[in-house]
Structures are given as structure tokens and as C-alpha cells.
Amino acid sequence: MPNSIIAEGKTTNEAIENGLKELKVTKNQVNIKVLENEDKRSFFSILAPRIVKVELTLKDDYQKENVEEIANNKSTQPKEYKKCSEEDLEKARSRVEAFLEVFSKKIGEDVKYDIEKTETGLNVNIIGNDATFLIGYRGDTLYAIQNILFAVANKGISNKVRIILDIGGYKQKREKSLELLADKIERTVIKTRKSVTLEPMKPYERKIIHSRLQNSKKVTTNSIGEEPKRRIVVSLK
């Protein structure tokens, strides 16, 4: 992505909008300088086509953030966690189990849970018909509960234990649906030769889309906007 471009339009607003579309960013992510204003026209140029030129330059903080996100999203490696000691893992497991024992009974009779220890943390799976509402819209509630479990597990532990929560296999189903979406959007962009902007997604969802299309020979992905309305744009290379 270029750091600065010059865009044209019949009005200043049109020129700015054209530049924003080309950079695939929002207005608050750029500095704007009007090079030619439509109001400054001489008598002899009245019959000439009206053209306004503006220079759009990405703000420094956005350039840094965008590069970092692309680098992170292109990586297929998960966030690095240090190998936990058996003592820390056991403390974390005991705390999470105690919490879930009470929590699950308040949710429903058929709610069950399973805790699996790994080298870096705990994989927690909650199953049961009464547990499905804990997923929430696009996993909002699931990730809120995961954050709670993380806080419960890591109280007083310096080498943080990673907590990964899933409910009824939601994450695997969501990942598959996002991969299918990425494939569909890739075909659409190639066929129409027009960029497609997806709806706002969470960071982990954007990572799935980026990873799915990172080896595409014909399209490229880029993120625009700010959280929680950050979106992916899929464009022709």
C-alpha cells in the first residue's frame, strides 16, 4: 500500500472519496491537502473541465498499525506462550474446574465440560443443548467467558497459562464458514475485477480470512477502519 497518493474529482469531496477508495482507508486515517480547489477558477477557464486534486497521506500511527496487523495475520503461527510448569498448569486447572463446576450447574442440567492440559495452557470445551446460548452473536459471549476463565486461572501466576475455550464445536464451524466465505469472495473479485469490502470482524476472524487468501495468485487482502468496525478488503493484485 502506498503511503501517499494524489486523487482527482469534480469537487473536493469527490476527490477525497476517490482517494480513500484507492487507499482503502477511512477519512480519519489520512492527512488531506487540497492541491487545486474548485473555487479558484479564472474567467478563461470557465469552460474547462472542473478538476480538483487532493493529496492523501496515511497517518504515521495507521501505517505502523496496518503493517503490524498484516504481518500478524499473515502468520499461521499462534501467539507464543511459554511452556508452563506442571505446578502452574495444575493450579490453573483446579481453579477453572472449581469455577465451571458451579457455573455449569447454573446453566442447565445437561451442560458438561472437559479440560485438557497442553504445554502452554488449558483447552476447555463446554457441551450440552443448554450451553449453546453461551456462544452469543458471532462468539461474543464465548470470548467474554474465555476472558473470565483466563483471569480465574492466572491469579497469582506470573508465567501466564493460555486458556482456549470452545462451546459445542463453535470455533471449528466458524472457521470453516469463514474459509468458504473467503473462497467465494476470491471468485467474485476475480470475476468482477472489483474490490469487495467485508462486514466488520473480530481480529481472529480477520486472521482466518487473511490466512486463507495469503497464497492467492490473483487477490490480496487488507484491513481498514478501526475496532470494533475494522473490515477486510479483498482486491485484485
Protein backbone atom coordinates (compact mmCIF):
# COMPACT_ATOMS: atom_id res chain seq x y z
CA MET A 1 0.00 0.00 0.00
CA PRO A 2 1.39 3.45 -0.92
CA ASN A 3 1.81 5.97 1.90
CA SER A 4 0.62 8.92 -0.21
CA ILE A 5 -1.44 9.43 -3.37
CA ILE A 6 -2.89 12.28 -5.40
CA ALA A 7 -6.57 11.88 -6.29
CA GLU A 8 -8.82 13.88 -8.61
CA GLY A 9 -12.51 14.72 -8.74
CA LYS A 10 -15.03 17.31 -9.89
CA THR A 11 -15.31 18.55 -6.30
CA THR A 12 -13.06 18.39 -3.25
CA ASN A 13 -15.31 15.81 -1.60
CA GLU A 14 -15.34 13.65 -4.70
CA ALA A 15 -11.56 13.80 -4.97
CA ILE A 16 -11.19 12.81 -1.31
CA GLU A 17 -13.63 9.93 -1.68
CA ASN A 18 -11.77 8.68 -4.76
CA GLY A 19 -8.51 8.78 -2.82
CA LEU A 20 -9.96 6.97 0.18
CA LYS A 21 -11.29 4.21 -2.06
CA GLU A 22 -7.90 3.81 -3.73
CA LEU A 23 -6.08 3.62 -0.40
CA LYS A 24 -8.87 1.51 1.10
CA VAL A 25 -8.92 3.56 4.31
CA THR A 26 -11.27 5.87 6.17
CA LYS A 27 -11.02 9.66 6.38
CA ASN A 28 -9.65 9.72 9.93
CA GLN A 29 -6.67 7.57 8.86
CA VAL A 30 -5.19 10.14 6.44
CA ASN A 31 -3.95 13.71 6.29
CA ILE A 32 -5.61 15.64 3.45
CA LYS A 33 -4.11 18.50 1.45
CA VAL A 34 -6.09 20.25 -1.29
CA LEU A 35 -3.78 20.93 -4.26
CA GLU A 36 -6.32 22.53 -6.58
CA ASN A 37 -9.58 23.98 -5.24
CA GLU A 38 -12.66 24.22 -7.44
CA ASP A 39 -13.36 27.76 -6.17
CA LYS A 40 -10.13 29.17 -7.57
CA ARG A 41 -11.01 29.37 -11.25
CA SER A 42 -10.31 32.17 -13.68
CA PHE A 43 -12.71 33.63 -16.24
CA PHE A 44 -10.81 32.00 -19.09
CA SER A 45 -11.01 28.52 -17.52
CA ILE A 46 -14.77 28.58 -17.05
CA LEU A 47 -15.33 26.25 -19.99
CA ALA A 48 -12.58 23.84 -18.98
CA PRO A 49 -13.50 20.62 -17.16
CA ARG A 50 -13.64 21.12 -13.41
CA ILE A 51 -10.85 19.13 -11.73
CA VAL A 52 -9.80 19.19 -8.09
CA LYS A 53 -6.66 17.48 -6.90
CA VAL A 54 -6.01 16.39 -3.31
CA GLU A 55 -3.08 14.67 -1.68
CA LEU A 56 -3.89 11.93 0.84
CA THR A 57 -1.12 10.75 3.16
CA LEU A 58 -1.51 7.90 5.63
CA LYS A 59 -1.02 8.97 9.22
CA ASP A 60 2.11 7.54 10.88
CA ASP A 61 0.20 5.62 13.56
CA TYR A 62 -2.01 3.97 10.95
CA GLN A 63 0.96 2.96 8.79
CA LYS A 64 2.61 1.26 11.75
CA GLU A 65 -0.59 -0.43 12.95
CA ASN A 66 -1.56 -1.63 9.48
CA VAL A 67 1.85 -3.15 8.77
CA GLU A 68 1.87 -4.91 12.13
CA GLU A 69 -1.60 -6.34 11.64
CA ILE A 70 -0.85 -7.66 8.18
CA ALA A 71 2.33 -9.27 9.46
CA ASN A 72 0.46 -10.88 12.34
CA ASN A 73 -2.45 -12.00 10.20
CA LYS A 74 -0.23 -13.50 7.54
CA SER A 75 1.44 -15.71 10.11
CA THR A 76 -0.01 -19.19 10.56
CA GLN A 77 1.66 -19.45 13.97
CA PRO A 78 -0.44 -18.82 17.10
CA LYS A 79 0.52 -16.23 19.66
CA GLU A 80 3.55 -17.51 21.51
CA TYR A 81 3.15 -18.67 25.09
CA LYS A 82 5.97 -20.03 27.20
CA LYS A 83 5.89 -23.63 28.31
CA CYS A 84 4.14 -23.76 31.68
CA SER A 85 5.34 -25.65 34.70
CA GLU A 86 3.28 -28.63 35.83
CA GLU A 87 2.61 -26.79 39.10
CA ASP A 88 1.16 -23.73 37.32
CA LEU A 89 -0.90 -25.89 34.99
CA GLU A 90 -2.35 -27.84 37.87
CA LYS A 91 -3.19 -24.65 39.79
CA ALA A 92 -4.90 -23.21 36.74
CA ARG A 93 -6.81 -26.43 36.01
CA SER A 94 -8.02 -26.70 39.60
CA ARG A 95 -9.28 -23.10 39.61
CA VAL A 96 -11.01 -23.39 36.25
CA GLU A 97 -12.61 -26.69 37.25
CA ALA A 98 -13.93 -25.20 40.51
CA PHE A 99 -15.39 -22.24 38.62
CA LEU A 100 -17.00 -24.40 35.92
CA GLU A 101 -18.44 -26.81 38.47
CA VAL A 102 -20.58 -24.02 39.90
CA PHE A 103 -21.10 -22.20 36.59
CA SER A 104 -22.33 -25.26 34.65
CA LYS A 105 -24.95 -26.16 37.27
CA LYS A 106 -26.47 -22.70 36.99
CA ILE A 107 -26.71 -23.00 33.20
CA GLY A 108 -28.51 -26.34 32.83
CA GLU A 109 -28.59 -29.98 33.82
CA ASP A 110 -27.17 -31.29 30.56
CA VAL A 111 -24.17 -28.93 30.50
CA LYS A 112 -20.85 -30.76 30.69
CA TYR A 113 -17.26 -29.59 30.41
CA ASP A 114 -13.88 -31.05 29.67
CA ILE A 115 -10.44 -29.63 30.50
CA GLU A 116 -7.32 -30.74 28.61
CA LYS A 117 -3.82 -29.69 29.64
CA THR A 118 -1.27 -28.69 27.00
CA GLU A 119 2.31 -27.45 27.29
CA THR A 120 1.20 -23.82 27.27
CA GLY A 121 -2.21 -23.92 28.93
CA LEU A 122 -5.67 -25.43 29.02
CA ASN A 123 -8.19 -26.32 26.34
CA VAL A 124 -11.69 -26.05 27.78
CA ASN A 125 -14.73 -27.45 25.98
CA ILE A 126 -18.32 -26.93 27.12
CA ILE A 127 -21.06 -29.07 25.57
CA GLY A 128 -24.81 -29.51 26.01
CA ASN A 129 -28.00 -28.13 24.50
CA ASP A 130 -28.38 -25.70 27.38
CA ALA A 131 -24.92 -24.29 26.65
CA THR A 132 -25.48 -23.13 23.08
CA PHE A 133 -26.75 -19.69 24.13
CA LEU A 134 -23.34 -19.10 25.77
CA ILE A 135 -21.85 -18.67 22.30
CA GLY A 136 -23.63 -15.37 21.68
CA TYR A 137 -23.64 -13.37 18.46
CA ARG A 138 -20.55 -14.29 16.46
CA GLY A 139 -18.97 -15.73 19.62
CA ASP A 140 -19.19 -12.54 21.70
CA THR A 141 -20.34 -14.32 24.86
CA LEU A 142 -17.93 -17.22 24.32
CA TYR A 143 -14.93 -14.91 24.23
CA ALA A 144 -16.17 -12.98 27.25
CA ILE A 145 -16.33 -16.25 29.22
CA GLN A 146 -12.88 -17.19 27.92
CA ASN A 147 -11.52 -13.92 29.33
CA ILE A 148 -13.14 -14.69 32.69
CA LEU A 149 -11.58 -18.17 32.75
CA PHE A 150 -8.21 -16.64 31.90
CA ALA A 151 -8.48 -14.27 34.86
CA VAL A 152 -9.60 -17.10 37.18
CA ALA A 153 -6.81 -19.43 36.05
CA ASN A 154 -3.96 -16.93 36.18
CA LYS A 155 -4.49 -15.23 39.53
CA GLY A 156 -1.04 -15.05 41.13
CA ILE A 157 0.68 -16.85 38.24
CA SER A 158 3.47 -14.86 36.56
CA ASN A 159 4.03 -17.18 33.59
CA LYS A 160 0.53 -16.86 32.12
CA VAL A 161 -1.39 -20.00 31.30
CA ARG A 162 -3.18 -19.89 27.98
CA ILE A 163 -6.91 -20.61 28.05
CA ILE A 164 -8.73 -21.68 24.90
CA LEU A 165 -12.48 -22.13 25.25
CA ASP A 166 -14.85 -23.73 22.78
CA ILE A 167 -18.57 -24.37 23.12
CA GLY A 168 -20.18 -27.16 21.14
CA GLY A 169 -17.51 -27.04 18.43
CA TYR A 170 -18.42 -23.46 17.51
CA LYS A 171 -14.88 -22.34 16.65
CA GLN A 172 -14.29 -25.12 14.16
CA LYS A 173 -17.64 -24.46 12.47
CA ARG A 174 -16.99 -20.71 12.35
CA GLU A 175 -13.51 -21.21 10.89
CA LYS A 176 -14.90 -23.46 8.16
CA SER A 177 -17.64 -20.96 7.26
CA LEU A 178 -15.10 -18.10 7.07
CA GLU A 179 -12.83 -20.15 4.81
CA LEU A 180 -15.76 -20.85 2.49
CA LEU A 181 -16.61 -17.14 2.54
CA ALA A 182 -13.01 -16.24 1.65
CA ASP A 183 -13.08 -18.64 -1.32
CA LYS A 184 -16.40 -17.21 -2.52
CA ILE A 185 -15.18 -13.60 -2.27
CA GLU A 186 -11.98 -14.52 -4.12
CA ARG A 187 -14.02 -15.87 -7.03
CA THR A 188 -16.25 -12.78 -7.01
CA VAL A 189 -13.32 -10.36 -7.10
CA ILE A 190 -11.64 -12.27 -9.93
CA LYS A 191 -14.89 -12.40 -11.94
CA THR A 192 -15.99 -8.78 -11.45
CA ARG A 193 -12.48 -7.29 -11.15
CA LYS A 194 -13.85 -5.11 -8.33
CA SER A 195 -12.76 -4.98 -4.70
CA VAL A 196 -15.11 -6.38 -2.06
CA THR A 197 -15.32 -4.98 1.48
CA LEU A 198 -16.50 -7.47 4.10
CA GLU A 199 -18.55 -6.68 7.18
CA PRO A 200 -16.72 -5.83 10.42
CA MET A 201 -15.00 -8.82 12.01
CA LYS A 202 -13.11 -9.67 15.16
CA PRO A 203 -9.28 -9.95 14.90
CA TYR A 204 -9.30 -13.76 14.99
CA GLU A 205 -11.90 -13.86 12.20
CA ARG A 206 -9.89 -11.47 10.04
CA LYS A 207 -6.83 -13.64 10.62
CA ILE A 208 -8.69 -16.64 9.17
CA ILE A 209 -9.60 -14.66 6.02
CA HIS A 210 -6.06 -13.27 5.63
CA SER A 211 -4.52 -16.72 6.10
CA ARG A 212 -6.92 -18.37 3.67
CA LEU A 213 -6.09 -15.91 0.86
CA GLN A 214 -2.44 -15.17 1.61
CA ASN A 215 -1.23 -17.59 -1.08
CA SER A 216 -3.73 -16.50 -3.71
CA LYS A 217 -2.10 -15.61 -7.02
CA LYS A 218 -4.82 -13.18 -8.04
CA VAL A 219 -6.17 -11.38 -4.96
CA THR A 220 -4.77 -9.65 -1.92
CA THR A 221 -6.30 -8.70 1.45
CA ASN A 222 -6.05 -5.54 3.51
CA SER A 223 -7.75 -4.30 6.68
CA ILE A 224 -9.32 -0.86 7.01
CA GLY A 225 -11.12 1.05 9.74
CA GLU A 226 -10.82 0.93 13.50
CA GLU A 227 -12.00 -1.57 16.09
CA PRO A 228 -14.67 -2.73 16.56
CA LYS A 229 -15.65 -1.88 12.96
CA ARG A 230 -12.42 -2.96 11.31
CA ARG A 231 -13.05 -4.66 7.95
CA ILE A 232 -11.19 -6.67 5.34
CA VAL A 233 -11.00 -5.51 1.73
CA VAL A 234 -10.27 -8.17 -0.92
CA SER A 235 -8.79 -6.72 -4.13
CA LEU A 236 -7.14 -7.87 -7.33
CA LYS A 237 -3.35 -7.97 -7.16
